[in-house]
Amino acid sequence: MIMSVYLLVDNGSKQPDATLYLRCLATQLSKHTGQTIHPVSLQHADAISAEQLDGTPAKVFSEFLRGHLEEGEREFVVLPLFFGLSRAITSFIPEEVARLQSEYPDLSVKLAPVTWPLPEGESRLGQIVFDHIRQARETAGPDTHVVLVDHGSPSPKITEVRQGIARLLKEQHALNVDQAVMERREGREYDFNGELLVNWLREQAEQGVTSVIVAMLFFLPGRHAGPRGDVEEICDSVVKDYPQLNYRITPLICEHPLLLDILRDRIATTEQCL
């Protein structure tokens, strides 16, 4: 019986914490599923020195596949650590697979569903966000204003994920949250992204709000999320102008045990072959 090689795939970062957390998540998922899950980034992680990664260098997607192909492996299952169908999934992965298939025609790569498949969504992802907000409210207070923040994407389908989670929070948990993006491209054609986080924070401060919760729609730490990430820097930049404003940033999605259940079920429903 031919055994598949399982990959837990993120977009990749040049920040060591992103790869270290991905490895930790893959280890936990391996125990949760009984399968060996390999942590693999699509790009960037191979620029991190091995010394910053506990002595083990990171391998990116194409390099990882090629290495296993050279060892005789032919069947792979890709589990995307993505909220929605970004270009990394719809373009980058298929293009890299097609390039390798020109050398290895019998290469088979199956792609598992994303964590928030449209249109049905994923109620457990909403539960994760709600639990993190509830945890932050234990110290911030029940009336603290909440904003749900994602990276910002040129794809409306990714914004639909954030909107779907906000809608679920309201319908299932009676929790109203505002929405914002960490960054977005200029131009009216990207207005679907919504408001920038920095503008939302300033508006709250100017209205006399003194406490806010920034609910993070990010899986892993890195340049944007986690300590000293862009989101934290944005919040600090506003607090410099409005020192009365206090903010709390929720944990990342990878820090909640329900994510393992979601990913386990995505593996079980893998059908699409690239």
C-alpha atoms as a PDB file:
ATOM      1  CA  MET A   1       0.000   0.000   0.000  1.00  0.00           C
ATOM      2  CA  ILE A   2       1.371   3.393  -1.001  1.00  0.00           C
ATOM      3  CA  MET A   3       1.548   5.808   1.935  1.00  0.00           C
ATOM      4  CA  SER A   4       0.977   9.527   1.430  1.00  0.00           C
ATOM      5  CA  VAL A   5       3.295  12.213   2.746  1.00  0.00           C
ATOM      6  CA  TYR A   6       1.358  14.837   4.710  1.00  0.00           C
ATOM      7  CA  LEU A   7       2.347  18.507   4.674  1.00  0.00           C
ATOM      8  CA  LEU A   8       1.010  21.250   6.936  1.00  0.00           C
ATOM      9  CA  VAL A   9       1.628  24.310   4.773  1.00  0.00           C
ATOM     10  CA  ASP A  10       1.715  28.005   5.625  1.00  0.00           C
ATOM     11  CA  ASN A  11       2.663  30.912   3.391  1.00  0.00           C
ATOM     12  CA  GLY A  12       6.040  31.329   5.080  1.00  0.00           C
ATOM     13  CA  SER A  13       7.910  34.055   6.905  1.00  0.00           C
ATOM     14  CA  LYS A  14      11.471  35.189   7.441  1.00  0.00           C
ATOM     15  CA  GLN A  15      10.746  35.383  11.168  1.00  0.00           C
ATOM     16  CA  PRO A  16      11.966  32.298  13.084  1.00  0.00           C
ATOM     17  CA  ASP A  17       8.944  32.209  15.404  1.00  0.00           C
ATOM     18  CA  ALA A  18       6.633  31.465  12.476  1.00  0.00           C
ATOM     19  CA  THR A  19       8.547  28.309  11.529  1.00  0.00           C
ATOM     20  CA  LEU A  20       9.006  27.228  15.147  1.00  0.00           C
ATOM     21  CA  TYR A  21       5.278  27.563  15.837  1.00  0.00           C
ATOM     22  CA  LEU A  22       4.443  25.745  12.601  1.00  0.00           C
ATOM     23  CA  ARG A  23       6.687  22.888  13.684  1.00  0.00           C
ATOM     24  CA  CYS A  24       5.038  22.755  17.090  1.00  0.00           C
ATOM     25  CA  LEU A  25       1.583  22.702  15.490  1.00  0.00           C
ATOM     26  CA  ALA A  26       2.640  19.913  13.100  1.00  0.00           C
ATOM     27  CA  THR A  27       3.952  17.862  16.038  1.00  0.00           C
ATOM     28  CA  GLN A  28       0.678  18.315  17.926  1.00  0.00           C
ATOM     29  CA  LEU A  29      -1.325  17.434  14.829  1.00  0.00           C
ATOM     30  CA  SER A  30       0.760  14.306  14.264  1.00  0.00           C
ATOM     31  CA  LYS A  31      -0.187  13.105  17.747  1.00  0.00           C
ATOM     32  CA  HIS A  32      -3.809  14.125  17.155  1.00  0.00           C
ATOM     33  CA  THR A  33      -4.158  12.214  13.883  1.00  0.00           C
ATOM     34  CA  GLY A  34      -1.695   9.341  14.154  1.00  0.00           C
ATOM     35  CA  GLN A  35      -0.104  10.533  10.894  1.00  0.00           C
ATOM     36  CA  THR A  36       3.320  12.082  10.489  1.00  0.00           C
ATOM     37  CA  ILE A  37       2.666  15.714   9.551  1.00  0.00           C
ATOM     38  CA  HIS A  38       5.540  17.676   8.045  1.00  0.00           C
ATOM     39  CA  PRO A  39       5.677  21.464   8.629  1.00  0.00           C
ATOM     40  CA  VAL A  40       6.450  23.143   5.299  1.00  0.00           C
ATOM     41  CA  SER A  41       6.279  26.799   4.245  1.00  0.00           C
ATOM     42  CA  LEU A  42       5.542  27.804   0.679  1.00  0.00           C
ATOM     43  CA  GLN A  43       8.254  30.470   0.613  1.00  0.00           C
ATOM     44  CA  HIS A  44      10.650  32.637   2.656  1.00  0.00           C
ATOM     45  CA  ALA A  45      11.430  30.281   5.566  1.00  0.00           C
ATOM     46  CA  ASP A  46      14.566  28.932   3.886  1.00  0.00           C
ATOM     47  CA  ALA A  47      16.128  32.380   4.387  1.00  0.00           C
ATOM     48  CA  ILE A  48      16.216  31.809   8.167  1.00  0.00           C
ATOM     49  CA  SER A  49      19.525  30.554   9.526  1.00  0.00           C
ATOM     50  CA  ALA A  50      19.556  27.087  11.058  1.00  0.00           C
ATOM     51  CA  GLU A  51      20.892  28.564  14.296  1.00  0.00           C
ATOM     52  CA  GLN A  52      17.616  30.444  14.724  1.00  0.00           C
ATOM     53  CA  LEU A  53      15.651  27.238  14.151  1.00  0.00           C
ATOM     54  CA  ASP A  54      17.199  25.028  16.824  1.00  0.00           C
ATOM     55  CA  GLY A  55      19.813  23.845  14.341  1.00  0.00           C
ATOM     56  CA  THR A  56      17.385  22.459  11.752  1.00  0.00           C
ATOM     57  CA  PRO A  57      16.991  24.539   8.570  1.00  0.00           C
ATOM     58  CA  ALA A  58      13.545  25.014   7.077  1.00  0.00           C
ATOM     59  CA  LYS A  59      12.641  23.579   3.683  1.00  0.00           C
ATOM     60  CA  VAL A  60      10.151  25.341   1.446  1.00  0.00           C
ATOM     61  CA  PHE A  61       7.439  23.628  -0.573  1.00  0.00           C
ATOM     62  CA  SER A  62       9.180  22.846  -3.867  1.00  0.00           C
ATOM     63  CA  GLU A  63      12.422  21.840  -2.179  1.00  0.00           C
ATOM     64  CA  PHE A  64      10.567  19.535   0.210  1.00  0.00           C
ATOM     65  CA  LEU A  65       8.594  17.836  -2.572  1.00  0.00           C
ATOM     66  CA  ARG A  66      11.660  17.388  -4.751  1.00  0.00           C
ATOM     67  CA  GLY A  67      13.604  15.827  -1.905  1.00  0.00           C
ATOM     68  CA  HIS A  68      10.882  13.265  -1.276  1.00  0.00           C
ATOM     69  CA  LEU A  69      10.379  12.633  -4.985  1.00  0.00           C
ATOM     70  CA  GLU A  70      14.063  11.796  -5.288  1.00  0.00           C
ATOM     71  CA  GLU A  71      13.552   9.280  -2.455  1.00  0.00           C
ATOM     72  CA  GLY A  72      10.743   7.594  -4.427  1.00  0.00           C
ATOM     73  CA  GLU A  73       7.706   9.166  -2.794  1.00  0.00           C
ATOM     74  CA  ARG A  74       4.905  10.052  -5.216  1.00  0.00           C
ATOM     75  CA  GLU A  75       1.745  10.771  -3.222  1.00  0.00           C
ATOM     76  CA  PHE A  76       1.366  13.883  -1.108  1.00  0.00           C
ATOM     77  CA  VAL A  77      -1.453  15.500   0.860  1.00  0.00           C
ATOM     78  CA  VAL A  78      -1.224  19.269   1.376  1.00  0.00           C
ATOM     79  CA  LEU A  79      -3.066  20.654   4.387  1.00  0.00           C
ATOM     80  CA  PRO A  80      -3.228  24.454   3.962  1.00  0.00           C
ATOM     81  CA  LEU A  81      -2.991  26.589   7.088  1.00  0.00           C
ATOM     82  CA  PHE A  82      -5.002  29.272   5.323  1.00  0.00           C
ATOM     83  CA  PHE A  83      -8.354  30.863   6.102  1.00  0.00           C
ATOM     84  CA  GLY A  84      -9.505  30.987   2.486  1.00  0.00           C
ATOM     85  CA  LEU A  85      -8.507  30.387  -1.112  1.00  0.00           C
ATOM     86  CA  SER A  86      -5.734  32.922  -1.511  1.00  0.00           C
ATOM     87  CA  ARG A  87      -3.509  33.067  -4.593  1.00  0.00           C
ATOM     88  CA  ALA A  88      -0.977  30.965  -2.727  1.00  0.00           C
ATOM     89  CA  ILE A  89      -3.424  28.080  -2.988  1.00  0.00           C
ATOM     90  CA  THR A  90      -5.106  28.800  -6.310  1.00  0.00           C
ATOM     91  CA  SER A  91      -1.940  29.743  -8.208  1.00  0.00           C
ATOM     92  CA  PHE A  92       1.368  29.148  -6.419  1.00  0.00           C
ATOM     93  CA  ILE A  93       0.823  25.559  -5.301  1.00  0.00           C
ATOM     94  CA  PRO A  94      -0.700  24.325  -8.606  1.00  0.00           C
ATOM     95  CA  GLU A  95       2.075  26.014 -10.596  1.00  0.00           C
ATOM     96  CA  GLU A  96       4.818  24.451  -8.478  1.00  0.00           C
ATOM     97  CA  VAL A  97       3.154  21.041  -8.679  1.00  0.00           C
ATOM     98  CA  ALA A  98       2.807  21.314 -12.474  1.00  0.00           C
ATOM     99  CA  ARG A  99       6.494  22.226 -12.749  1.00  0.00           C
ATOM    100  CA  LEU A 100       7.497  19.150 -10.775  1.00  0.00           C
ATOM    101  CA  GLN A 101       5.073  16.934 -12.705  1.00  0.00           C
ATOM    102  CA  SER A 102       6.974  17.763 -15.889  1.00  0.00           C
ATOM    103  CA  GLU A 103       9.863  15.808 -14.330  1.00  0.00           C
ATOM    104  CA  TYR A 104       7.802  13.329 -12.303  1.00  0.00           C
ATOM    105  CA  PRO A 105       4.592  12.612 -14.275  1.00  0.00           C
ATOM    106  CA  ASP A 106       3.321  10.202 -11.618  1.00  0.00           C
ATOM    107  CA  LEU A 107       3.427  12.847  -8.894  1.00  0.00           C
ATOM    108  CA  SER A 108       0.062  13.075  -7.101  1.00  0.00           C
ATOM    109  CA  VAL A 109      -0.766  15.988  -4.805  1.00  0.00           C
ATOM    110  CA  LYS A 110      -4.108  16.206  -3.026  1.00  0.00           C
ATOM    111  CA  LEU A 111      -5.164  19.486  -1.482  1.00  0.00           C
ATOM    112  CA  ALA A 112      -7.229  19.509   1.699  1.00  0.00           C
ATOM    113  CA  PRO A 113      -9.885  22.212   2.228  1.00  0.00           C
ATOM    114  CA  VAL A 114      -8.971  25.492   3.903  1.00  0.00           C
ATOM    115  CA  THR A 115     -10.046  26.226   7.473  1.00  0.00           C
ATOM    116  CA  TRP A 116     -13.013  28.413   6.395  1.00  0.00           C
ATOM    117  CA  PRO A 117     -14.355  26.878   3.172  1.00  0.00           C
ATOM    118  CA  LEU A 118     -16.915  29.008   1.379  1.00  0.00           C
ATOM    119  CA  PRO A 119     -19.840  29.173   1.524  1.00  0.00           C
ATOM    120  CA  GLU A 120     -20.424  26.934   4.544  1.00  0.00           C
ATOM    121  CA  GLY A 121     -17.678  28.325   6.780  1.00  0.00           C
ATOM    122  CA  GLU A 122     -16.506  26.663   9.989  1.00  0.00           C
ATOM    123  CA  SER A 123     -18.308  27.248  13.293  1.00  0.00           C
ATOM    124  CA  ARG A 124     -15.338  26.009  15.321  1.00  0.00           C
ATOM    125  CA  LEU A 125     -13.174  28.802  13.932  1.00  0.00           C
ATOM    126  CA  GLY A 126     -15.767  31.263  15.187  1.00  0.00           C
ATOM    127  CA  GLN A 127     -15.657  29.518  18.569  1.00  0.00           C
ATOM    128  CA  ILE A 128     -11.893  29.980  18.709  1.00  0.00           C
ATOM    129  CA  VAL A 129     -12.200  33.706  18.079  1.00  0.00           C
ATOM    130  CA  PHE A 130     -15.024  33.999  20.617  1.00  0.00           C
ATOM    131  CA  ASP A 131     -13.040  32.156  23.290  1.00  0.00           C
ATOM    132  CA  HIS A 132     -10.078  34.448  22.754  1.00  0.00           C
ATOM    133  CA  ILE A 133     -12.249  37.560  22.985  1.00  0.00           C
ATOM    134  CA  ARG A 134     -13.928  36.244  26.140  1.00  0.00           C
ATOM    135  CA  GLN A 135     -10.512  35.602  27.658  1.00  0.00           C
ATOM    136  CA  ALA A 136      -9.399  39.165  26.882  1.00  0.00           C
ATOM    137  CA  ARG A 137     -12.614  40.575  28.349  1.00  0.00           C
ATOM    138  CA  GLU A 138     -11.879  38.977  31.707  1.00  0.00           C
ATOM    139  CA  THR A 139      -9.333  41.730  32.273  1.00  0.00           C
ATOM    140  CA  ALA A 140     -10.517  44.410  29.849  1.00  0.00           C
ATOM    141  CA  GLY A 141     -14.149  44.429  30.970  1.00  0.00           C
ATOM    142  CA  PRO A 142     -17.387  43.247  29.300  1.00  0.00           C
ATOM    143  CA  ASP A 143     -18.112  46.554  27.566  1.00  0.00           C
ATOM    144  CA  THR A 144     -14.730  46.873  25.872  1.00  0.00           C
ATOM    145  CA  HIS A 145     -14.950  47.641  22.152  1.00  0.00           C
ATOM    146  CA  VAL A 146     -13.778  44.754  19.949  1.00  0.00           C
ATOM    147  CA  VAL A 147     -12.356  44.809  16.444  1.00  0.00           C
ATOM    148  CA  LEU A 148     -11.727  41.663  14.372  1.00  0.00           C
ATOM    149  CA  VAL A 149      -8.523  42.140  12.376  1.00  0.00           C
ATOM    150  CA  ASP A 150      -7.048  40.182   9.493  1.00  0.00           C
ATOM    151  CA  HIS A 151      -4.055  40.885   7.293  1.00  0.00           C
ATOM    152  CA  GLY A 152      -5.935  42.413   4.369  1.00  0.00           C
ATOM    153  CA  SER A 153      -6.006  40.760   0.957  1.00  0.00           C
ATOM    154  CA  PRO A 154      -6.541  41.781  -2.681  1.00  0.00           C
ATOM    155  CA  SER A 155      -9.011  38.883  -2.881  1.00  0.00           C
ATOM    156  CA  PRO A 156     -12.622  39.578  -1.845  1.00  0.00           C
ATOM    157  CA  LYS A 157     -12.960  35.885  -0.941  1.00  0.00           C
ATOM    158  CA  ILE A 158     -10.516  36.337   1.936  1.00  0.00           C
ATOM    159  CA  THR A 159     -12.440  39.325   3.246  1.00  0.00           C
ATOM    160  CA  GLU A 160     -15.550  37.138   3.130  1.00  0.00           C
ATOM    161  CA  VAL A 161     -13.891  34.884   5.707  1.00  0.00           C
ATOM    162  CA  ARG A 162     -13.530  37.734   8.203  1.00  0.00           C
ATOM    163  CA  GLN A 163     -17.057  38.902   7.488  1.00  0.00           C
ATOM    164  CA  GLY A 164     -18.376  35.377   7.949  1.00  0.00           C
ATOM    165  CA  ILE A 165     -16.680  35.008  11.319  1.00  0.00           C
ATOM    166  CA  ALA A 166     -18.021  38.390  12.446  1.00  0.00           C
ATOM    167  CA  ARG A 167     -21.505  37.311  11.371  1.00  0.00           C
ATOM    168  CA  LEU A 168     -21.151  34.021  13.219  1.00  0.00           C
ATOM    169  CA  LEU A 169     -20.039  35.811  16.393  1.00  0.00           C
ATOM    170  CA  LYS A 170     -23.231  37.837  16.262  1.00  0.00           C
ATOM    171  CA  GLU A 171     -25.570  34.964  15.404  1.00  0.00           C
ATOM    172  CA  GLN A 172     -24.176  32.297  17.734  1.00  0.00           C
ATOM    173  CA  HIS A 173     -22.698  34.355  20.572  1.00  0.00           C
ATOM    174  CA  ALA A 174     -24.668  37.636  20.466  1.00  0.00           C
ATOM    175  CA  LEU A 175     -21.359  39.464  20.099  1.00  0.00           C
ATOM    176  CA  ASN A 176     -21.085  42.496  17.843  1.00  0.00           C
ATOM    177  CA  VAL A 177     -17.588  43.273  16.636  1.00  0.00           C
ATOM    178  CA  ASP A 178     -16.168  45.880  14.302  1.00  0.00           C
ATOM    179  CA  GLN A 179     -13.835  44.815  11.505  1.00  0.00           C
ATOM    180  CA  ALA A 180     -10.533  46.167  10.209  1.00  0.00           C
ATOM    181  CA  VAL A 181      -7.450  45.165   8.231  1.00  0.00           C
ATOM    182  CA  MET A 182      -3.817  45.501   9.174  1.00  0.00           C
ATOM    183  CA  GLU A 183      -3.006  46.794   5.704  1.00  0.00           C
ATOM    184  CA  ARG A 184      -4.644  47.118   2.286  1.00  0.00           C
ATOM    185  CA  ARG A 185      -3.785  48.268  -1.202  1.00  0.00           C
ATOM    186  CA  GLU A 186      -4.621  51.784  -2.273  1.00  0.00           C
ATOM    187  CA  GLY A 187      -7.539  52.416  -4.600  1.00  0.00           C
ATOM    188  CA  ARG A 188     -11.303  52.225  -4.459  1.00  0.00           C
ATOM    189  CA  GLU A 189     -11.227  48.761  -6.006  1.00  0.00           C
ATOM    190  CA  TYR A 190      -9.940  47.511  -2.648  1.00  0.00           C
ATOM    191  CA  ASP A 191     -12.606  49.186  -0.526  1.00  0.00           C
ATOM    192  CA  PHE A 192     -14.071  45.736   0.103  1.00  0.00           C
ATOM    193  CA  ASN A 193     -11.215  45.229   2.580  1.00  0.00           C
ATOM    194  CA  GLY A 194     -12.815  47.696   4.962  1.00  0.00           C
ATOM    195  CA  GLU A 195     -11.166  50.072   7.398  1.00  0.00           C
ATOM    196  CA  LEU A 196      -7.523  50.125   8.357  1.00  0.00           C
ATOM    197  CA  LEU A 197      -6.798  49.149  11.958  1.00  0.00           C
ATOM    198  CA  VAL A 198      -4.850  52.347  12.590  1.00  0.00           C
ATOM    199  CA  ASN A 199      -7.836  54.455  11.527  1.00  0.00           C
ATOM    200  CA  TRP A 200     -10.255  52.413  13.629  1.00  0.00           C
ATOM    201  CA  LEU A 201      -8.073  52.836  16.708  1.00  0.00           C
ATOM    202  CA  ARG A 202      -7.799  56.586  16.203  1.00  0.00           C
ATOM    203  CA  GLU A 203     -11.542  56.919  15.765  1.00  0.00           C
ATOM    204  CA  GLN A 204     -12.154  55.033  18.995  1.00  0.00           C
ATOM    205  CA  ALA A 205      -9.692  57.204  20.901  1.00  0.00           C
ATOM    206  CA  GLU A 206     -11.167  60.417  19.503  1.00  0.00           C
ATOM    207  CA  GLN A 207     -14.620  59.261  20.634  1.00  0.00           C
ATOM    208  CA  GLY A 208     -13.350  58.885  24.192  1.00  0.00           C
ATOM    209  CA  VAL A 209     -12.969  55.107  24.216  1.00  0.00           C
ATOM    210  CA  THR A 210     -10.255  54.058  26.667  1.00  0.00           C
ATOM    211  CA  SER A 211     -10.152  50.273  26.227  1.00  0.00           C
ATOM    212  CA  VAL A 212     -10.240  48.096  23.096  1.00  0.00           C
ATOM    213  CA  ILE A 213      -9.646  44.461  22.197  1.00  0.00           C
ATOM    214  CA  VAL A 214      -7.917  43.587  18.947  1.00  0.00           C
ATOM    215  CA  ALA A 215      -9.132  40.100  17.986  1.00  0.00           C
ATOM    216  CA  MET A 216      -6.493  38.465  15.826  1.00  0.00           C
ATOM    217  CA  LEU A 217      -7.394  36.514  12.697  1.00  0.00           C
ATOM    218  CA  PHE A 218      -3.829  35.271  12.229  1.00  0.00           C
ATOM    219  CA  PHE A 219      -2.613  31.704  12.629  1.00  0.00           C
ATOM    220  CA  LEU A 220       1.044  32.121  13.525  1.00  0.00           C
ATOM    221  CA  PRO A 221       3.427  34.741  14.887  1.00  0.00           C
ATOM    222  CA  GLY A 222       5.757  36.477  12.483  1.00  0.00           C
ATOM    223  CA  ARG A 223       6.349  39.877  10.965  1.00  0.00           C
ATOM    224  CA  HIS A 224       2.688  40.857  11.330  1.00  0.00           C
ATOM    225  CA  ALA A 225       1.409  39.024  14.398  1.00  0.00           C
ATOM    226  CA  GLY A 226       2.854  38.146  17.780  1.00  0.00           C
ATOM    227  CA  PRO A 227       5.252  40.145  19.968  1.00  0.00           C
ATOM    228  CA  ARG A 228       6.775  43.167  18.207  1.00  0.00           C
ATOM    229  CA  GLY A 229       4.730  42.409  15.092  1.00  0.00           C
ATOM    230  CA  ASP A 230       3.135  44.990  12.829  1.00  0.00           C
ATOM    231  CA  VAL A 231      -0.239  44.830  14.601  1.00  0.00           C
ATOM    232  CA  GLU A 232       1.353  45.589  17.953  1.00  0.00           C
ATOM    233  CA  GLU A 233       3.370  48.412  16.414  1.00  0.00           C
ATOM    234  CA  ILE A 234       0.223  49.919  14.901  1.00  0.00           C
ATOM    235  CA  CYS A 235      -1.467  49.865  18.302  1.00  0.00           C
ATOM    236  CA  ASP A 236       1.565  51.406  20.011  1.00  0.00           C
ATOM    237  CA  SER A 237       1.759  54.165  17.407  1.00  0.00           C
ATOM    238  CA  VAL A 238      -1.814  55.225  18.203  1.00  0.00           C
ATOM    239  CA  VAL A 239      -1.273  55.029  21.957  1.00  0.00           C
ATOM    240  CA  LYS A 240       1.611  57.493  21.616  1.00  0.00           C
ATOM    241  CA  ASP A 241      -0.908  60.080  20.421  1.00  0.00           C
ATOM    242  CA  TYR A 242      -3.717  58.906  22.708  1.00  0.00           C
ATOM    243  CA  PRO A 243      -2.070  57.644  25.921  1.00  0.00           C
ATOM    244  CA  GLN A 244      -5.471  57.136  27.565  1.00  0.00           C
ATOM    245  CA  LEU A 245      -6.201  54.290  25.139  1.00  0.00           C
ATOM    246  CA  ASN A 246      -5.492  50.788  26.413  1.00  0.00           C
ATOM    247  CA  TYR A 247      -5.501  47.801  24.098  1.00  0.00           C
ATOM    248  CA  ARG A 248      -5.379  44.044  24.461  1.00  0.00           C
ATOM    249  CA  ILE A 249      -4.447  41.734  21.608  1.00  0.00           C
ATOM    250  CA  THR A 250      -5.993  38.261  21.649  1.00  0.00           C
ATOM    251  CA  PRO A 251      -3.966  35.060  21.233  1.00  0.00           C
ATOM    252  CA  LEU A 252      -3.311  33.696  17.765  1.00  0.00           C
ATOM    253  CA  ILE A 253      -5.480  30.991  16.223  1.00  0.00           C
ATOM    254  CA  CYS A 254      -2.725  28.371  16.585  1.00  0.00           C
ATOM    255  CA  GLU A 255      -2.892  28.722  20.371  1.00  0.00           C
ATOM    256  CA  HIS A 256      -6.386  27.193  20.616  1.00  0.00           C
ATOM    257  CA  PRO A 257      -6.784  23.373  20.772  1.00  0.00           C
ATOM    258  CA  LEU A 258      -9.867  23.426  18.522  1.00  0.00           C
ATOM    259  CA  LEU A 259      -7.625  24.200  15.564  1.00  0.00           C
ATOM    260  CA  LEU A 260      -6.249  20.658  15.770  1.00  0.00           C
ATOM    261  CA  ASP A 261      -9.763  19.248  15.410  1.00  0.00           C
ATOM    262  CA  ILE A 262     -10.420  21.437  12.376  1.00  0.00           C
ATOM    263  CA  LEU A 263      -7.186  20.399  10.687  1.00  0.00           C
ATOM    264  CA  ARG A 264      -7.743  16.727  11.485  1.00  0.00           C
ATOM    265  CA  ASP A 265     -11.152  16.889   9.816  1.00  0.00           C
ATOM    266  CA  ARG A 266      -9.703  18.676   6.775  1.00  0.00           C
ATOM    267  CA  ILE A 267      -7.315  15.777   6.258  1.00  0.00           C
ATOM    268  CA  ALA A 268     -10.229  13.352   6.463  1.00  0.00           C
ATOM    269  CA  THR A 269     -12.135  15.186   3.724  1.00  0.00           C
ATOM    270  CA  THR A 270      -9.248  15.547   1.279  1.00  0.00           C
ATOM    271  CA  GLU A 271     -10.495  14.834  -2.236  1.00  0.00           C
ATOM    272  CA  GLN A 272      -9.177  17.384  -4.709  1.00  0.00           C
ATOM    273  CA  CYS A 273      -6.184  16.196  -6.712  1.00  0.00           C
ATOM    274  CA  LEU A 274      -4.013  18.826  -8.398  1.00  0.00           C
END
